[in-house]
Each structure stands twice: as structure tokens, then as C-alpha cells.
Protein backbone atom coordinates (compact mmCIF):
# COMPACT_ATOMS: atom_id res chain seq x y z
CA UNK A 1 22.36 33.25 -11.38
CA UNK A 2 24.73 36.22 -12.04
CA UNK A 3 24.55 39.92 -11.10
CA UNK A 4 25.46 42.39 -13.85
CA UNK A 5 27.20 44.61 -11.23
CA UNK A 6 29.23 42.78 -8.50
CA UNK A 7 27.94 43.33 -4.94
CA UNK A 8 30.07 42.23 -1.99
CA UNK A 9 28.65 39.88 0.67
CA UNK A 10 29.15 42.59 3.33
CA UNK A 11 26.96 44.94 1.32
CA UNK A 12 24.17 42.37 1.05
CA UNK A 13 23.99 41.78 4.81
CA UNK A 14 24.61 45.38 5.97
CA UNK A 15 22.12 46.85 8.44
CA UNK A 16 22.19 50.14 6.58
CA UNK A 17 19.43 51.04 4.19
CA UNK A 18 20.38 50.57 0.56
CA UNK A 19 18.76 51.59 -2.67
CA UNK A 20 19.74 49.21 -5.37
CA UNK A 21 18.92 50.19 -8.90
CA UNK A 22 16.68 47.40 -10.26
CA UNK A 23 18.17 47.83 -13.71
CA UNK A 24 21.46 46.46 -12.40
CA UNK A 25 19.89 43.19 -11.20
CA UNK A 26 19.32 40.11 -13.28
CA UNK A 27 15.66 40.16 -14.34
CA UNK A 28 15.09 36.52 -13.45
CA UNK A 29 15.96 37.32 -9.83
CA UNK A 30 13.56 40.27 -9.85
CA UNK A 31 10.73 38.13 -11.13
CA UNK A 32 11.31 35.42 -8.53
CA UNK A 33 11.35 37.92 -5.64
CA UNK A 34 8.23 39.59 -6.99
CA UNK A 35 6.36 36.29 -7.21
CA UNK A 36 7.49 35.23 -3.75
CA UNK A 37 6.65 38.46 -1.92
CA UNK A 38 3.65 39.45 -4.03
CA UNK A 39 4.90 43.03 -4.20
CA UNK A 40 6.13 45.41 -6.89
CA UNK A 41 9.64 44.89 -8.26
CA UNK A 42 10.79 48.35 -7.07
CA UNK A 43 9.39 48.26 -3.53
CA UNK A 44 11.13 44.98 -2.69
CA UNK A 45 14.48 46.79 -2.99
CA UNK A 46 13.57 49.55 -0.48
CA UNK A 47 13.68 47.32 2.60
CA UNK A 48 16.10 48.08 5.44
CA UNK A 49 17.85 44.83 4.52
CA UNK A 50 18.28 43.01 1.24
CA UNK A 51 17.51 39.35 1.98
CA UNK A 52 19.73 36.59 0.57
CA UNK A 53 18.35 34.05 -1.85
CA UNK A 54 16.06 31.42 -0.39
CA UNK A 55 16.69 27.77 -1.24
CA UNK A 56 13.02 27.53 -2.14
CA UNK A 57 13.50 29.84 -5.14
CA UNK A 58 14.08 27.43 -7.99
CA UNK A 59 15.14 28.46 -11.45
CA UNK A 60 12.41 28.03 -14.04
CA UNK A 61 14.89 26.14 -16.15
CA UNK A 62 15.40 23.42 -13.48
CA UNK A 63 13.89 20.19 -14.80
CA UNK A 64 11.55 18.31 -12.46
CA UNK A 65 12.48 14.76 -11.60
CA UNK A 66 10.29 12.50 -13.74
CA UNK A 67 7.63 10.60 -11.80
CA UNK A 68 8.02 6.84 -11.78
CA UNK A 69 5.32 5.17 -13.84
CA UNK A 70 4.04 1.71 -12.90
CA UNK A 71 3.04 -0.82 -15.57
CA UNK A 72 -0.58 -0.18 -16.51
CA UNK A 73 -0.86 2.96 -14.34
CA UNK A 74 -1.92 5.19 -17.23
CA UNK A 75 -5.08 3.10 -17.73
CA UNK A 76 -6.12 2.97 -14.08
CA UNK A 77 -5.26 0.87 -11.05
CA UNK A 78 -7.16 -2.21 -12.22
CA UNK A 79 -4.77 -2.43 -15.15
CA UNK A 80 -1.90 -2.42 -12.66
CA UNK A 81 -3.55 -5.34 -10.84
CA UNK A 82 -4.13 -7.18 -14.11
CA UNK A 83 -0.48 -6.73 -15.11
CA UNK A 84 0.77 -8.21 -11.83
CA UNK A 85 -1.74 -11.05 -11.97
CA UNK A 86 -0.81 -12.04 -15.51
CA UNK A 87 2.85 -12.28 -14.53
CA UNK A 88 1.86 -14.91 -11.96
CA UNK A 89 0.26 -17.13 -14.61
CA UNK A 90 2.26 -19.96 -16.12
CA UNK A 91 3.35 -19.72 -19.73
CA UNK A 92 0.82 -22.36 -20.78
CA UNK A 93 -1.94 -20.25 -19.22
CA UNK A 94 -0.95 -16.91 -20.72
CA UNK A 95 1.66 -15.47 -23.07
CA UNK A 96 2.37 -12.91 -20.34
CA UNK A 97 2.91 -15.63 -17.73
CA UNK A 98 6.29 -16.03 -16.05
CA UNK A 99 5.72 -18.80 -13.49
CA UNK A 100 6.71 -22.41 -14.17
CA UNK A 101 3.78 -24.83 -14.35
CA UNK A 102 3.13 -26.55 -11.01
CA UNK A 103 0.19 -28.69 -12.15
CA UNK A 104 -0.71 -30.62 -15.25
CA UNK A 105 -2.04 -28.61 -18.19
CA UNK A 106 -5.83 -28.44 -18.09
CA UNK A 107 -6.13 -30.50 -21.27
CA UNK A 108 -4.51 -33.44 -19.41
CA UNK A 109 -6.62 -33.20 -16.28
CA UNK A 110 -8.59 -36.26 -15.20
CA UNK A 111 -11.21 -34.77 -12.89
CA UNK A 112 -13.75 -36.75 -10.90
CA UNK A 113 -17.24 -35.74 -9.83
CA UNK A 114 -16.19 -36.09 -6.19
CA UNK A 115 -13.22 -33.78 -6.64
CA UNK A 116 -15.27 -31.29 -8.62
CA UNK A 117 -17.88 -31.19 -5.86
CA UNK A 118 -15.17 -30.43 -3.30
CA UNK A 119 -14.06 -27.54 -5.51
CA UNK A 120 -17.61 -26.20 -5.88
CA UNK A 121 -18.36 -26.47 -2.15
CA UNK A 122 -15.16 -24.65 -1.13
CA UNK A 123 -15.69 -22.05 -3.85
CA UNK A 124 -19.14 -21.36 -2.41
CA UNK A 125 -17.61 -20.79 1.03
CA UNK A 126 -15.31 -18.16 -0.47
CA UNK A 127 -18.05 -16.40 -2.45
CA UNK A 128 -20.40 -16.47 0.55
CA UNK A 129 -17.69 -14.74 2.55
CA UNK A 130 -16.92 -12.10 -0.10
CA UNK A 131 -20.57 -11.24 -0.58
CA UNK A 132 -21.25 -11.06 3.17
CA UNK A 133 -18.28 -8.73 3.66
CA UNK A 134 -19.43 -6.21 1.03
CA UNK A 135 -22.94 -6.29 2.45
CA UNK A 136 -21.67 -5.51 5.96
CA UNK A 137 -19.27 -2.87 4.55
CA UNK A 138 -16.97 -2.34 7.53
CA UNK A 139 -15.27 0.17 5.23
CA UNK A 140 -17.67 2.40 3.24
CA UNK A 141 -15.82 1.63 0.00
CA UNK A 142 -16.97 -2.01 0.20
CA UNK A 143 -20.55 -0.90 -0.38
CA UNK A 144 -19.54 0.04 -3.93
CA UNK A 145 -19.37 -3.69 -4.71
CA UNK A 146 -22.85 -4.76 -3.69
CA UNK A 147 -25.09 -6.24 -6.38
CA UNK A 148 -22.51 -5.98 -9.16
CA UNK A 149 -23.95 -8.88 -11.11
CA UNK A 150 -20.77 -10.92 -10.62
CA UNK A 151 -22.06 -12.62 -7.45
CA UNK A 152 -21.73 -16.42 -7.53
CA UNK A 153 -23.12 -17.70 -4.25
CA UNK A 154 -26.73 -18.23 -5.38
CA UNK A 155 -25.57 -19.78 -8.65
CA UNK A 156 -23.40 -22.27 -6.79
CA UNK A 157 -26.27 -23.15 -4.46
CA UNK A 158 -28.38 -24.08 -7.50
CA UNK A 159 -25.58 -26.22 -8.95
CA UNK A 160 -25.04 -28.11 -5.70
CA UNK A 161 -28.78 -28.76 -5.49
CA UNK A 162 -28.68 -30.16 -9.03
CA UNK A 163 -25.85 -32.55 -8.10
CA UNK A 164 -27.84 -33.65 -5.06
CA UNK A 165 -30.84 -34.39 -7.27
CA UNK A 166 -28.56 -36.57 -9.42
CA UNK A 167 -27.82 -38.70 -6.37
CA UNK A 168 -24.42 -37.27 -5.42
CA UNK A 169 -23.47 -36.65 -1.80
CA UNK A 170 -22.50 -33.06 -1.16
CA UNK A 171 -19.34 -32.91 0.96
CA UNK A 172 -18.69 -30.55 3.86
CA UNK A 173 -16.34 -27.61 3.20
CA UNK A 174 -12.69 -28.55 3.59
CA UNK A 175 -10.00 -26.78 5.60
CA UNK A 176 -8.77 -25.26 2.31
CA UNK A 177 -11.90 -23.21 1.72
CA UNK A 178 -12.56 -22.49 5.39
CA UNK A 179 -9.05 -21.17 6.04
CA UNK A 180 -9.26 -18.88 3.00
CA UNK A 181 -12.63 -17.57 4.17
CA UNK A 182 -11.22 -16.78 7.62
CA UNK A 183 -8.26 -15.03 6.03
CA UNK A 184 -10.59 -12.87 3.91
CA UNK A 185 -12.67 -11.93 6.95
CA UNK A 186 -9.57 -10.88 8.85
CA UNK A 187 -8.23 -8.81 5.95
CA UNK A 188 -11.55 -7.11 5.38
CA UNK A 189 -11.55 -5.69 8.92
CA UNK A 190 -8.02 -4.32 9.05
CA UNK A 191 -6.55 -4.18 5.54
CA UNK A 192 -8.99 -2.94 2.85
CA UNK A 193 -6.35 -2.65 0.12
CA UNK A 194 -5.30 -6.29 0.55
CA UNK A 195 -8.93 -7.43 0.75
CA UNK A 196 -9.87 -5.70 -2.51
CA UNK A 197 -6.91 -7.38 -4.19
CA UNK A 198 -8.52 -10.75 -3.38
CA UNK A 199 -11.95 -9.48 -4.38
CA UNK A 200 -10.64 -8.46 -7.79
CA UNK A 201 -8.66 -11.64 -8.45
CA UNK A 202 -11.37 -14.07 -7.35
CA UNK A 203 -14.15 -12.56 -9.47
CA UNK A 204 -12.13 -11.61 -12.52
CA UNK A 205 -10.21 -14.90 -12.66
CA UNK A 206 -13.46 -16.86 -12.61
CA UNK A 207 -14.84 -14.78 -15.47
CA UNK A 208 -11.83 -15.66 -17.64
CA UNK A 209 -9.75 -18.77 -16.90
CA UNK A 210 -12.47 -20.11 -14.63
CA UNK A 211 -14.88 -20.35 -17.53
CA UNK A 212 -12.37 -22.29 -19.60
CA UNK A 213 -11.73 -24.74 -16.75
CA UNK A 214 -15.45 -25.22 -16.19
CA UNK A 215 -16.00 -26.02 -19.84
CA UNK A 216 -13.19 -28.59 -19.96
CA UNK A 217 -14.34 -30.30 -16.77
CA UNK A 218 -17.94 -30.41 -17.99
CA UNK A 219 -16.82 -32.04 -21.24
CA UNK A 220 -15.05 -34.80 -19.32
CA UNK A 221 -17.48 -35.63 -16.51
CA UNK A 222 -20.82 -33.85 -17.05
CA UNK A 223 -21.64 -34.53 -20.70
CA UNK A 224 -20.84 -30.87 -21.42
CA UNK A 225 -23.58 -29.58 -19.09
CA UNK A 226 -23.12 -25.88 -18.39
CA UNK A 227 -23.48 -25.14 -14.69
CA UNK A 228 -25.07 -21.99 -13.30
CA UNK A 229 -21.68 -21.11 -11.85
CA UNK A 230 -20.61 -20.15 -15.38
CA UNK A 231 -23.69 -18.10 -16.29
CA UNK A 232 -24.28 -14.40 -15.63
CA UNK A 233 -27.47 -12.37 -15.75
CA UNK A 234 -26.62 -9.73 -18.31
CA UNK A 235 -23.65 -9.02 -20.54
CA UNK A 236 -20.52 -10.21 -18.71
CA UNK A 237 -18.22 -7.70 -20.37
CA UNK A 238 -20.45 -4.84 -19.20
CA UNK A 239 -20.63 -6.23 -15.67
CA UNK A 240 -16.85 -6.49 -15.52
CA UNK A 241 -16.49 -2.98 -16.88
CA UNK A 242 -18.73 -1.64 -14.14
CA UNK A 243 -16.71 -3.30 -11.37
CA UNK A 244 -13.46 -2.23 -13.01
CA UNK A 245 -14.61 1.40 -12.94
CA UNK A 246 -15.61 1.14 -9.29
CA UNK A 247 -12.25 -0.36 -8.31
CA UNK A 248 -10.42 2.39 -10.17
CA UNK A 249 -12.51 5.02 -8.45
CA UNK A 250 -11.90 3.59 -4.96
CA UNK A 251 -8.15 3.32 -5.62
CA UNK A 252 -7.94 7.00 -6.58
CA UNK A 253 -8.00 7.87 -2.87
CA UNK A 254 -5.11 5.48 -2.06
CA UNK A 255 -1.52 6.57 -1.65
CA UNK A 256 1.14 5.00 -3.85
CA UNK A 257 2.25 2.93 -0.85
CA UNK A 258 -1.29 1.59 -0.37
CA UNK A 259 -1.53 0.71 -4.05
CA UNK A 260 1.77 -1.15 -3.91
CA UNK A 261 0.59 -3.00 -0.80
CA UNK A 262 -2.51 -4.10 -2.71
CA UNK A 263 -0.39 -5.36 -5.60
CA UNK A 264 1.89 -7.27 -3.24
CA UNK A 265 -1.11 -9.27 -1.99
CA UNK A 266 -1.69 -10.77 -5.46
CA UNK A 267 0.60 -13.74 -4.89
CA UNK A 268 -1.30 -14.74 -1.73
CA UNK A 269 -4.54 -14.51 -3.66
CA UNK A 270 -3.18 -16.86 -6.30
CA UNK A 271 -1.93 -19.26 -3.65
CA UNK A 272 -5.31 -19.61 -1.93
CA UNK A 273 -7.31 -19.81 -5.17
CA UNK A 274 -4.87 -22.35 -6.59
CA UNK A 275 -5.30 -24.62 -3.57
CA UNK A 276 -9.07 -24.61 -4.06
CA UNK A 277 -8.73 -25.21 -7.79
CA UNK A 278 -6.55 -28.27 -7.22
CA UNK A 279 -9.41 -29.89 -5.31
CA UNK A 280 -10.82 -30.77 -8.73
CA UNK A 281 -8.06 -33.34 -9.04
CA UNK A 282 -8.41 -34.71 -5.51
């Protein structure tokens, strides 16, 4: 920023009183001093000292560093979670998937009733845990997710009762489901961002890919019977929208670091859910 009339450094820092004609000073400098000191342009030049420029005075023409945008951020945090989750799908599961397939394609699965029951029992352990956690609400934000309409525990209880009536023995929960439930309980008490990552992925995955898997399994071993596990009371798209809005609202209070921490938990969520899913083939 240039002065129209040169002023030596010794003049600027002199202890003597100076009157500097404002018309000889660059007008941008005048404006910045006026805004900083909240005084009139003339009075700021009648001080006993003329203060040097502060580093905090930034030219109006200086461009701000553009803020980094995360994939999906413009649509809300749930879209960020969806983007990360889709990348962890295999290419045969989603066109956005990037992971190599680690199991047979669903169309080639050969499930058994025994294996499917193990999957349903361990799934119920997980849903029981999720629903108990939001009811207890160690963190106030968890209370937002009570009675969303996505709850599955009661539905699974009805399905397991139906299998029992058909003469099938209901197995005890396996270490797979129990260890995941313990992990969720631990997260819920000390790491709410990580816990809500699991909450989102468990419920939303079941409403999408989970439905497709349930249909294929039913066609092969249940004469296409539709279990209660795959039925919702009300319009599913509206129920999902409601939970999506609540998750976005809760995440608004998170820092960027907390949001990133939540996203980083996605892979662990997929790992645990995948282990339970593979019980169908056991």
C-alpha cells in the first residue's frame, strides 16, 4: 500500500506530535484505520504518535483461502456418510463400490435355514443393543433417535417365534453378535460420533441391501415368505428421511475433526456387519 507523499520511518515513530494532512494519505489506509478504531478519519491523525500498520489490517483485495469441501458436504453430513459407505461396497454391490468382492455374489449363495437363523439371532442382539442405547441416552443427542419407525427388535422377535412354531431350534447368540454388541455399548458411552456412524450404517444398510438379501434368501429356503424383519409400519422412504434429518441436525454441532472421526469409523461398521451377514452361509 503506497503513500502519495514519502514519509521517513523516523517521522512515523517520532514522539513529537504531528499533524498529517489526510489528503496526502492513501484512502484505503484511512478507511482501514477508521474501521479499526471506530473514530473519524481526521481525529485518528491527531494522536501524539502515528501507529504503524497492524498485521491484522488486511487489504480488501486479499482473496480468502477457499474452504475444503468434502464429498457430499453440501447436502448435509448424512450424504458424507453415504458417500464413504458406498465406496466400501464391492463393484457387484454398487456402481460406486471400490472394494474387491470377498464373498460369493448373492445370486450364487446357497443359504441354509440353520445359517439364516444364526444371522437373525445375532442381528437381534445388535438391534436390541442399539435400541437400548438410544432409550438410555447417555448423550442427550441419542434421544433424537427413539421411536423412529426403523426399529427392528420386535420384528425379529416375531420372526424367530415363527421359526420356532415351524419346528426349528433357535440357536443362542454367537460370539460374532455378542462382541459387536459389546463394542457398540462401549462406543456409546465414550465416543458418540463413532457410535452414530454404526447406528446410521446398520439401519440404512438393512433398508437397502438388506432387503435385497432377505428377498433372495426367502426365495431359496422359505418359499418366498416375507419376514417381519423386512416390513416397516409406514412409508419407509419417509421414515428414512426423518432419521436422515435428525442425523444432519445432530452433526451440525460437531467440529470438522469430529465429523471426520465419524466417517473413519465406517470401515469398522462394515467389518462387524459383514461378519454377521456371513453367518447366513455358515
